[in-house]
């Protein structure tokens, strides 16, 4: 009987987060998405996921394009090291 009670209460040491903690985690994730997705700061919360999905699709298309260009020009992953630009040392920004 005690085992049944423990199961109903979520026994086993793992409990569901409170709604307050879950809400805080969700807000933190939404804030991070707004920071990462271009235009996410201005997007309403309901449209943020659609903006994120569009952004992911654009990134995938860009990766496919870059892979195709790399194949055309014979550049492979793990190929030769990239060219070093004169005057661009470690930690310097190129502008």
N, C-alpha and C. Protein backbone atom coordinates (compact mmCIF):
# COMPACT_ATOMS: atom_id res chain seq x y z
N UNK A 1 0.82 -1.19 0.00
CA UNK A 1 0.00 0.00 0.00
C UNK A 1 0.87 1.27 0.00
N UNK A 2 1.95 1.26 0.77
CA UNK A 2 2.85 2.41 0.82
C UNK A 2 3.48 2.66 -0.54
N UNK A 3 3.80 1.57 -1.27
CA UNK A 3 4.40 1.72 -2.59
C UNK A 3 3.44 2.41 -3.55
N UNK A 4 2.17 2.09 -3.48
CA UNK A 4 1.17 2.73 -4.34
C UNK A 4 1.08 4.22 -4.03
N UNK A 5 1.09 4.58 -2.77
CA UNK A 5 1.04 6.00 -2.39
C UNK A 5 2.25 6.75 -2.92
N UNK A 6 3.43 6.13 -2.83
CA UNK A 6 4.65 6.77 -3.31
C UNK A 6 4.57 7.01 -4.81
N UNK A 7 4.04 6.05 -5.55
CA UNK A 7 3.90 6.21 -7.00
C UNK A 7 2.96 7.35 -7.33
N UNK A 8 1.87 7.45 -6.63
CA UNK A 8 0.90 8.51 -6.89
C UNK A 8 1.48 9.88 -6.59
N UNK A 9 2.32 9.97 -5.57
CA UNK A 9 2.93 11.25 -5.20
C UNK A 9 4.17 11.54 -6.04
N UNK A 10 4.51 10.65 -6.96
CA UNK A 10 5.71 10.89 -7.77
C UNK A 10 6.95 10.46 -7.03
N UNK A 11 6.85 9.41 -6.23
CA UNK A 11 8.00 8.93 -5.46
C UNK A 11 9.13 8.49 -6.36
N UNK A 12 10.23 8.18 -5.79
CA UNK A 12 11.39 7.79 -6.55
C UNK A 12 12.42 8.89 -6.61
N UNK A 13 12.18 9.97 -5.88
CA UNK A 13 13.16 11.03 -5.81
C UNK A 13 13.04 12.08 -6.90
N UNK A 14 12.23 11.84 -7.90
CA UNK A 14 12.12 12.79 -9.00
C UNK A 14 10.73 13.40 -8.99
N UNK A 15 10.69 14.71 -8.77
CA UNK A 15 9.40 15.39 -8.72
C UNK A 15 9.29 16.35 -9.88
N UNK A 16 8.06 16.63 -10.24
CA UNK A 16 7.81 17.60 -11.30
C UNK A 16 8.13 18.98 -10.75
N UNK A 17 8.67 19.85 -11.59
CA UNK A 17 8.94 21.20 -11.13
C UNK A 17 7.64 21.94 -10.85
N UNK A 18 7.68 22.85 -9.94
CA UNK A 18 6.48 23.61 -9.64
C UNK A 18 6.14 24.46 -10.84
N UNK A 19 4.90 24.90 -10.90
CA UNK A 19 4.49 25.72 -12.04
C UNK A 19 5.27 27.03 -12.06
N UNK A 20 5.65 27.53 -10.90
CA UNK A 20 6.44 28.76 -10.83
C UNK A 20 7.83 28.54 -11.43
N UNK A 21 8.46 27.43 -11.07
CA UNK A 21 9.79 27.12 -11.61
C UNK A 21 9.71 26.84 -13.10
N UNK A 22 8.66 26.14 -13.54
CA UNK A 22 8.50 25.86 -14.96
C UNK A 22 8.27 27.15 -15.74
N UNK A 23 7.49 28.06 -15.17
CA UNK A 23 7.25 29.34 -15.82
C UNK A 23 8.52 30.16 -15.93
N UNK A 24 9.34 30.14 -14.90
CA UNK A 24 10.61 30.87 -14.92
C UNK A 24 11.54 30.28 -15.97
N UNK A 25 11.59 28.96 -16.07
CA UNK A 25 12.44 28.30 -17.06
C UNK A 25 11.96 28.64 -18.47
N UNK A 26 10.66 28.65 -18.67
CA UNK A 26 10.11 28.99 -19.97
C UNK A 26 10.44 30.43 -20.35
N UNK A 27 10.29 31.35 -19.42
CA UNK A 27 10.62 32.75 -19.70
C UNK A 27 12.10 32.92 -20.04
N UNK A 28 12.96 32.18 -19.36
CA UNK A 28 14.39 32.24 -19.63
C UNK A 28 14.69 31.73 -21.04
N UNK A 29 14.03 30.65 -21.45
CA UNK A 29 14.24 30.10 -22.79
C UNK A 29 13.70 31.03 -23.87
N UNK A 30 12.56 31.65 -23.62
CA UNK A 30 12.00 32.61 -24.58
C UNK A 30 12.92 33.81 -24.71
N UNK A 31 13.46 34.28 -23.60
CA UNK A 31 14.39 35.41 -23.63
C UNK A 31 15.63 35.05 -24.45
N UNK A 32 16.13 33.84 -24.30
CA UNK A 32 17.29 33.39 -25.07
C UNK A 32 16.95 33.29 -26.55
N UNK A 33 15.77 32.78 -26.89
CA UNK A 33 15.36 32.72 -28.28
C UNK A 33 15.27 34.11 -28.89
N UNK A 34 14.69 35.05 -28.14
CA UNK A 34 14.58 36.43 -28.63
C UNK A 34 15.96 37.00 -28.94
N UNK A 35 16.94 36.63 -28.14
CA UNK A 35 18.30 37.13 -28.35
C UNK A 35 18.95 36.49 -29.58
N UNK A 36 18.68 35.22 -29.83
CA UNK A 36 19.34 34.49 -30.90
C UNK A 36 18.72 34.70 -32.28
N UNK A 37 17.41 34.84 -32.34
CA UNK A 37 16.71 34.92 -33.62
C UNK A 37 16.65 36.37 -34.09
N UNK A 38 17.13 36.64 -35.30
CA UNK A 38 17.05 38.01 -35.81
C UNK A 38 15.59 38.47 -35.88
N UNK A 39 15.32 39.63 -35.34
CA UNK A 39 13.96 40.16 -35.30
C UNK A 39 13.14 39.62 -34.14
N UNK A 40 13.74 38.76 -33.33
CA UNK A 40 13.02 38.15 -32.22
C UNK A 40 12.66 39.12 -31.12
N UNK A 41 13.45 40.19 -30.99
CA UNK A 41 13.17 41.16 -29.93
C UNK A 41 11.84 41.86 -30.16
N UNK A 42 11.51 42.10 -31.44
CA UNK A 42 10.28 42.81 -31.75
C UNK A 42 9.09 41.88 -31.94
N UNK A 43 9.34 40.58 -32.16
CA UNK A 43 8.25 39.64 -32.44
C UNK A 43 7.41 39.38 -31.21
N UNK A 44 6.08 39.35 -31.38
CA UNK A 44 5.23 38.96 -30.25
C UNK A 44 5.50 37.49 -29.88
N UNK A 45 5.20 37.14 -28.66
CA UNK A 45 5.51 35.81 -28.16
C UNK A 45 4.90 34.71 -29.04
N UNK A 46 3.69 34.93 -29.52
CA UNK A 46 3.04 33.92 -30.35
C UNK A 46 3.74 33.71 -31.68
N UNK A 47 4.35 34.74 -32.21
CA UNK A 47 5.03 34.64 -33.51
C UNK A 47 6.49 34.24 -33.37
N UNK A 48 7.01 34.22 -32.17
CA UNK A 48 8.43 33.94 -31.97
C UNK A 48 8.80 32.54 -32.45
N UNK A 49 7.95 31.55 -32.20
CA UNK A 49 8.27 30.20 -32.65
C UNK A 49 8.26 30.10 -34.16
N UNK A 50 7.34 30.79 -34.82
CA UNK A 50 7.31 30.80 -36.28
C UNK A 50 8.56 31.48 -36.82
N UNK A 51 8.97 32.58 -36.20
CA UNK A 51 10.21 33.26 -36.61
C UNK A 51 11.40 32.34 -36.42
N UNK A 52 11.41 31.60 -35.34
CA UNK A 52 12.51 30.67 -35.06
C UNK A 52 12.55 29.57 -36.11
N UNK A 53 11.39 29.01 -36.45
CA UNK A 53 11.33 27.95 -37.47
C UNK A 53 11.82 28.48 -38.82
N UNK A 54 11.40 29.69 -39.19
CA UNK A 54 11.88 30.29 -40.44
C UNK A 54 13.38 30.49 -40.42
N UNK A 55 13.89 30.95 -39.31
CA UNK A 55 15.33 31.20 -39.18
C UNK A 55 16.11 29.89 -39.31
N UNK A 56 15.62 28.83 -38.70
CA UNK A 56 16.28 27.52 -38.79
C UNK A 56 16.27 27.04 -40.24
N UNK A 57 15.14 27.23 -40.94
CA UNK A 57 15.07 26.82 -42.35
C UNK A 57 16.06 27.60 -43.20
N UNK A 58 16.19 28.91 -42.94
CA UNK A 58 17.16 29.72 -43.69
C UNK A 58 18.59 29.28 -43.39
N UNK A 59 18.88 28.97 -42.13
CA UNK A 59 20.22 28.49 -41.78
C UNK A 59 20.54 27.17 -42.46
N UNK A 60 19.57 26.26 -42.49
CA UNK A 60 19.79 24.97 -43.17
C UNK A 60 20.05 25.18 -44.65
N UNK A 61 19.29 26.07 -45.28
CA UNK A 61 19.50 26.35 -46.70
C UNK A 61 20.90 26.93 -46.93
N UNK A 62 21.33 27.79 -46.04
CA UNK A 62 22.66 28.39 -46.16
C UNK A 62 23.75 27.33 -46.01
N UNK A 63 23.57 26.42 -45.08
CA UNK A 63 24.54 25.33 -44.88
C UNK A 63 24.60 24.46 -46.13
N UNK A 64 23.43 24.13 -46.70
CA UNK A 64 23.42 23.32 -47.91
C UNK A 64 24.13 24.03 -49.06
N UNK A 65 23.90 25.33 -49.20
CA UNK A 65 24.57 26.11 -50.23
C UNK A 65 26.08 26.10 -50.03
N UNK A 66 26.51 26.31 -48.80
CA UNK A 66 27.95 26.32 -48.51
C UNK A 66 28.58 24.95 -48.77
N UNK A 67 27.85 23.89 -48.44
CA UNK A 67 28.37 22.54 -48.72
C UNK A 67 28.49 22.31 -50.22
N UNK A 68 27.50 22.77 -50.97
CA UNK A 68 27.54 22.61 -52.42
C UNK A 68 28.71 23.39 -53.00
N UNK A 69 28.91 24.62 -52.53
CA UNK A 69 30.04 25.41 -53.00
C UNK A 69 31.36 24.76 -52.63
N UNK A 70 31.44 24.21 -51.44
CA UNK A 70 32.66 23.53 -51.01
C UNK A 70 32.93 22.32 -51.90
N UNK A 71 31.88 21.62 -52.30
CA UNK A 71 32.06 20.46 -53.17
C UNK A 71 32.55 20.90 -54.55
N UNK A 72 32.01 22.00 -55.06
CA UNK A 72 32.43 22.52 -56.37
C UNK A 72 33.89 22.93 -56.35
N UNK A 73 34.30 23.58 -55.30
CA UNK A 73 35.67 24.08 -55.22
C UNK A 73 36.64 23.09 -54.59
N UNK A 74 36.15 21.90 -54.25
CA UNK A 74 37.03 20.86 -53.73
C UNK A 74 37.47 21.06 -52.30
N UNK A 75 36.72 21.78 -51.54
CA UNK A 75 37.05 21.98 -50.13
C UNK A 75 36.29 20.93 -49.34
N UNK A 76 37.01 20.20 -48.51
CA UNK A 76 36.38 19.15 -47.71
C UNK A 76 36.54 19.47 -46.24
N UNK A 77 35.66 18.94 -45.46
CA UNK A 77 35.79 19.10 -44.01
C UNK A 77 37.10 18.45 -43.59
N UNK A 78 37.86 19.17 -42.81
CA UNK A 78 39.16 18.66 -42.38
C UNK A 78 40.22 18.85 -43.44
N UNK A 79 39.92 19.67 -44.44
CA UNK A 79 40.86 19.94 -45.52
C UNK A 79 41.95 20.87 -45.05
N UNK A 80 42.54 21.58 -46.01
CA UNK A 80 43.64 22.48 -45.66
C UNK A 80 43.19 23.58 -44.71
N UNK A 81 44.13 24.09 -43.97
CA UNK A 81 43.83 25.15 -43.00
C UNK A 81 43.42 26.41 -43.75
N UNK A 82 42.53 27.21 -43.18
CA UNK A 82 42.13 28.45 -43.83
C UNK A 82 43.29 29.41 -43.96
N UNK A 83 43.20 30.29 -44.93
CA UNK A 83 44.25 31.27 -45.16
C UNK A 83 44.35 32.22 -43.99
N UNK A 84 45.57 32.60 -43.66
CA UNK A 84 45.79 33.58 -42.60
C UNK A 84 45.80 34.97 -43.23
N UNK A 85 45.10 35.90 -42.64
CA UNK A 85 45.05 37.26 -43.13
C UNK A 85 46.09 38.07 -42.39
N UNK A 86 46.92 38.77 -43.14
CA UNK A 86 48.00 39.56 -42.53
C UNK A 86 47.41 40.61 -41.61
N UNK A 87 47.97 40.73 -40.43
CA UNK A 87 47.53 41.75 -39.47
C UNK A 87 46.38 41.31 -38.59
N UNK A 88 45.82 40.15 -38.82
CA UNK A 88 44.71 39.68 -38.01
C UNK A 88 45.23 38.68 -37.00
N UNK A 89 45.64 39.18 -35.86
CA UNK A 89 46.16 38.31 -34.81
C UNK A 89 45.04 37.74 -33.97
N UNK A 90 45.40 36.92 -33.04
CA UNK A 90 44.42 36.31 -32.17
C UNK A 90 43.72 37.37 -31.34
N UNK A 91 42.42 37.32 -31.31
CA UNK A 91 41.64 38.22 -30.47
C UNK A 91 41.34 39.56 -31.12
N UNK A 92 41.84 39.79 -32.33
CA UNK A 92 41.56 41.06 -33.00
C UNK A 92 40.33 40.91 -33.87
N UNK A 93 39.50 41.92 -33.93
CA UNK A 93 38.34 41.91 -34.79
C UNK A 93 38.71 42.48 -36.14
N UNK A 94 38.16 41.90 -37.15
CA UNK A 94 38.38 42.43 -38.49
C UNK A 94 37.18 43.28 -38.84
N UNK A 95 37.38 44.55 -39.12
CA UNK A 95 36.26 45.40 -39.49
C UNK A 95 36.54 46.15 -40.75
